[in-house]
C-alpha atoms as a PDB file:
ATOM      1  CA  UNK A   1      25.909 -22.230  17.165  1.00  0.00           C
ATOM      2  CA  UNK A   2      27.631 -19.618  15.072  1.00  0.00           C
ATOM      3  CA  UNK A   3      31.149 -18.559  15.913  1.00  0.00           C
ATOM      4  CA  UNK A   4      32.158 -14.937  16.336  1.00  0.00           C
ATOM      5  CA  UNK A   5      34.658 -13.864  13.703  1.00  0.00           C
ATOM      6  CA  UNK A   6      37.592 -11.854  14.976  1.00  0.00           C
ATOM      7  CA  UNK A   7      37.611  -8.994  12.471  1.00  0.00           C
ATOM      8  CA  UNK A   8      37.449  -5.235  12.661  1.00  0.00           C
ATOM      9  CA  UNK A   9      34.089  -5.383  14.455  1.00  0.00           C
ATOM     10  CA  UNK A  10      35.592  -7.461  17.262  1.00  0.00           C
ATOM     11  CA  UNK A  11      38.436  -4.977  17.665  1.00  0.00           C
ATOM     12  CA  UNK A  12      35.980  -2.091  17.874  1.00  0.00           C
ATOM     13  CA  UNK A  13      33.913  -4.089  20.391  1.00  0.00           C
ATOM     14  CA  UNK A  14      36.970  -4.571  22.610  1.00  0.00           C
ATOM     15  CA  UNK A  15      37.824  -0.851  22.392  1.00  0.00           C
ATOM     16  CA  UNK A  16      34.296   0.265  23.292  1.00  0.00           C
ATOM     17  CA  UNK A  17      34.047  -2.361  26.037  1.00  0.00           C
ATOM     18  CA  UNK A  18      37.333  -1.054  27.435  1.00  0.00           C
ATOM     19  CA  UNK A  19      36.100   2.531  27.317  1.00  0.00           C
ATOM     20  CA  UNK A  20      32.862   1.534  29.031  1.00  0.00           C
ATOM     21  CA  UNK A  21      34.682  -0.351  31.760  1.00  0.00           C
ATOM     22  CA  UNK A  22      37.137   2.485  32.441  1.00  0.00           C
ATOM     23  CA  UNK A  23      34.310   5.032  32.534  1.00  0.00           C
ATOM     24  CA  UNK A  24      32.327   2.875  34.916  1.00  0.00           C
ATOM     25  CA  UNK A  25      35.159   2.628  37.403  1.00  0.00           C
ATOM     26  CA  UNK A  26      36.256   6.256  37.133  1.00  0.00           C
ATOM     27  CA  UNK A  27      32.967   8.104  37.187  1.00  0.00           C
ATOM     28  CA  UNK A  28      30.473   5.537  38.493  1.00  0.00           C
ATOM     29  CA  UNK A  29      28.247   6.609  35.590  1.00  0.00           C
ATOM     30  CA  UNK A  30      26.790   3.211  34.740  1.00  0.00           C
ATOM     31  CA  UNK A  31      24.409   4.582  32.077  1.00  0.00           C
ATOM     32  CA  UNK A  32      27.242   5.999  29.993  1.00  0.00           C
ATOM     33  CA  UNK A  33      29.351   2.882  30.485  1.00  0.00           C
ATOM     34  CA  UNK A  34      26.436   0.703  29.384  1.00  0.00           C
ATOM     35  CA  UNK A  35      25.972   2.914  26.324  1.00  0.00           C
ATOM     36  CA  UNK A  36      29.564   2.301  25.184  1.00  0.00           C
ATOM     37  CA  UNK A  37      29.263  -1.442  25.731  1.00  0.00           C
ATOM     38  CA  UNK A  38      26.029  -1.531  23.696  1.00  0.00           C
ATOM     39  CA  UNK A  39      27.680   0.432  20.873  1.00  0.00           C
ATOM     40  CA  UNK A  40      30.523  -2.086  20.863  1.00  0.00           C
ATOM     41  CA  UNK A  41      28.061  -4.997  20.675  1.00  0.00           C
ATOM     42  CA  UNK A  42      26.280  -3.328  17.746  1.00  0.00           C
ATOM     43  CA  UNK A  43      29.576  -3.119  15.846  1.00  0.00           C
ATOM     44  CA  UNK A  44      30.328  -6.768  16.652  1.00  0.00           C
ATOM     45  CA  UNK A  45      26.914  -7.997  15.472  1.00  0.00           C
ATOM     46  CA  UNK A  46      27.012  -5.820  12.351  1.00  0.00           C
ATOM     47  CA  UNK A  47      30.448  -7.146  11.420  1.00  0.00           C
ATOM     48  CA  UNK A  48      29.302 -10.750  11.793  1.00  0.00           C
ATOM     49  CA  UNK A  49      26.048 -10.182   9.873  1.00  0.00           C
ATOM     50  CA  UNK A  50      27.976  -8.562   7.043  1.00  0.00           C
ATOM     51  CA  UNK A  51      30.111 -11.704   6.555  1.00  0.00           C
ATOM     52  CA  UNK A  52      27.162 -14.100   6.705  1.00  0.00           C
END
């Protein structure tokens, strides 16, 4: 199993995950919150693929 590297992609993932979570609780707009979480995951995966 490959480990996740804690680089810039991980920081961006945490920021987008935070935005998605706050939006979900404030507006109950789960589609938009899911969008931000997915964008964060894309940055995380891209950052780890780049280093491989």
